[in-house]
Protein backbone atom coordinates (compact mmCIF):
# COMPACT_ATOMS: atom_id res chain seq x y z
CA UNK A 1 8.90 10.16 21.06
CA UNK A 2 5.39 10.26 19.53
CA UNK A 3 6.80 9.07 16.19
CA UNK A 4 8.46 6.07 17.89
CA UNK A 5 5.21 5.20 19.68
CA UNK A 6 3.24 5.52 16.44
CA UNK A 7 5.64 3.12 14.66
CA UNK A 8 5.45 0.71 17.61
CA UNK A 9 1.65 0.63 17.45
CA UNK A 10 1.60 0.21 13.69
CA UNK A 11 3.79 -2.86 14.15
CA UNK A 12 1.58 -4.19 16.96
CA UNK A 13 -1.81 -3.40 15.43
CA UNK A 14 -2.24 -6.84 13.76
CA UNK A 15 -1.85 -8.35 17.23
CA UNK A 16 -4.62 -6.20 18.62
CA UNK A 17 -8.20 -6.49 17.40
CA UNK A 18 -8.67 -6.81 13.66
CA UNK A 19 -9.17 -3.28 12.30
CA UNK A 20 -8.77 -1.79 15.78
CA UNK A 21 -7.50 1.75 15.95
CA UNK A 22 -4.79 2.14 18.61
CA UNK A 23 -3.67 5.64 19.51
CA UNK A 24 -0.74 6.15 21.88
CA UNK A 25 -1.60 8.85 24.40
CA UNK A 26 1.41 9.01 26.71
CA UNK A 27 4.65 7.27 27.58
CA UNK A 28 6.61 8.12 30.72
CA UNK A 29 9.78 6.68 32.20
CA UNK A 30 9.22 6.02 35.91
CA UNK A 31 12.27 7.42 37.69
CA UNK A 32 11.32 5.79 41.01
CA UNK A 33 11.11 2.37 39.33
CA UNK A 34 14.32 1.75 37.45
CA UNK A 35 13.78 0.27 33.98
CA UNK A 36 9.99 0.69 34.10
CA UNK A 37 7.65 2.92 32.10
CA UNK A 38 3.99 3.81 32.09
CA UNK A 39 2.27 3.66 28.71
CA UNK A 40 -1.29 4.83 28.02
CA UNK A 41 -3.18 3.94 24.85
CA UNK A 42 -6.66 4.54 23.45
CA UNK A 43 -8.17 1.47 21.71
CA UNK A 44 -11.20 1.62 19.42
CA UNK A 45 -12.81 -1.68 18.42
CA UNK A 46 -15.07 -1.54 15.39
CA UNK A 47 -18.27 -3.62 15.55
CA UNK A 48 -17.50 -7.34 15.85
CA UNK A 49 -13.72 -6.91 16.33
CA UNK A 50 -11.75 -9.38 18.48
CA UNK A 51 -8.19 -9.92 19.68
CA UNK A 52 -6.00 -12.96 19.09
CA UNK A 53 -4.79 -14.77 22.22
CA UNK A 54 -1.91 -12.80 23.73
CA UNK A 55 -0.23 -11.54 26.88
CA UNK A 56 1.23 -8.19 27.82
CA UNK A 57 4.08 -9.05 30.21
CA UNK A 58 2.91 -5.94 32.07
CA UNK A 59 0.34 -4.74 34.54
CA UNK A 60 -2.55 -3.58 32.34
CA UNK A 61 -5.39 -1.43 33.65
CA UNK A 62 -8.34 -0.94 31.30
CA UNK A 63 -11.17 1.62 31.52
CA UNK A 64 -14.16 1.48 29.15
CA UNK A 65 -15.21 4.81 27.64
CA UNK A 66 -17.99 3.74 25.26
CA UNK A 67 -19.67 0.63 23.94
CA UNK A 68 -19.37 -2.80 25.49
CA UNK A 69 -16.45 -5.24 25.47
CA UNK A 70 -15.88 -8.82 26.64
CA UNK A 71 -12.59 -9.64 28.39
CA UNK A 72 -11.24 -12.88 29.84
CA UNK A 73 -7.88 -14.13 31.09
CA UNK A 74 -6.98 -17.82 31.19
CA UNK A 75 -8.53 -19.46 34.25
CA UNK A 76 -11.03 -16.61 34.73
CA UNK A 77 -14.59 -16.10 33.58
CA UNK A 78 -15.47 -13.80 30.68
CA UNK A 79 -16.75 -10.43 31.82
CA UNK A 80 -18.76 -7.93 29.82
CA UNK A 81 -17.74 -4.36 30.54
CA UNK A 82 -19.67 -1.15 29.84
CA UNK A 83 -18.67 2.53 30.15
CA UNK A 84 -17.10 3.34 33.51
CA UNK A 85 -16.11 -0.26 34.26
CA UNK A 86 -12.55 -1.55 34.60
CA UNK A 87 -10.46 -4.67 33.97
CA UNK A 88 -7.00 -5.76 35.08
CA UNK A 89 -4.47 -8.13 33.55
CA UNK A 90 -1.29 -9.09 35.35
CA UNK A 91 2.13 -9.79 33.80
CA UNK A 92 1.55 -13.57 33.89
CA UNK A 93 -2.04 -13.53 32.61
CA UNK A 94 -2.86 -14.88 29.17
CA UNK A 95 -5.60 -12.82 27.53
CA UNK A 96 -7.86 -15.44 25.89
CA UNK A 97 -10.88 -13.24 25.06
CA UNK A 98 -10.89 -9.59 24.09
CA UNK A 99 -13.68 -8.45 21.80
CA UNK A 100 -16.35 -5.93 21.07
CA UNK A 101 -19.60 -7.27 22.55
CA UNK A 102 -21.56 -5.65 19.72
CA UNK A 103 -21.68 -6.46 16.02
CA UNK A 104 -23.29 -3.09 15.26
CA UNK A 105 -21.69 -0.49 17.56
CA UNK A 106 -18.03 0.47 18.14
CA UNK A 107 -16.36 0.28 21.55
CA UNK A 108 -13.57 2.42 22.96
CA UNK A 109 -11.36 2.04 26.01
CA UNK A 110 -8.16 3.34 27.59
CA UNK A 111 -5.37 0.99 28.68
CA UNK A 112 -2.58 1.97 31.06
CA UNK A 113 0.39 -0.42 31.02
CA UNK A 114 3.12 -0.56 33.65
CA UNK A 115 5.90 -2.42 31.86
CA UNK A 116 9.62 -2.82 31.33
CA UNK A 117 11.01 0.06 29.31
CA UNK A 118 11.28 -0.83 25.60
CA UNK A 119 9.53 -4.20 26.11
CA UNK A 120 6.93 -5.11 23.47
CA UNK A 121 3.37 -4.09 24.22
CA UNK A 122 1.91 -7.45 23.14
CA UNK A 123 3.26 -10.96 22.96
CA UNK A 124 1.25 -13.46 20.86
CA UNK A 125 0.42 -16.80 22.51
CA UNK A 126 -0.16 -19.90 20.40
């Protein structure tokens, strides 16, 4: 299972922040929710890294561990998050801003996704 997750994240890494390091932490089928899975990842943004515009087609819960990041979904205001703060994206949200707030320090956060089993983690939006 870890090998499959590693391959999945290698394929998705260009869609996440440039040069971001994404480490899968856990994947679990949710027996009480047919066809759904929980997926937890650790994301490390190097200084100045940013995401392309995308969506997750999932419920995404983010928790900042270190550094500072800026997040924004379409129609919302950008928010700057620091360690201990959280962010949520729904399945219909388009993630228009995701970046490290610092050009000199790295940032690291955990994301928990509640998604359809075997669905892609990220979907690019043009």
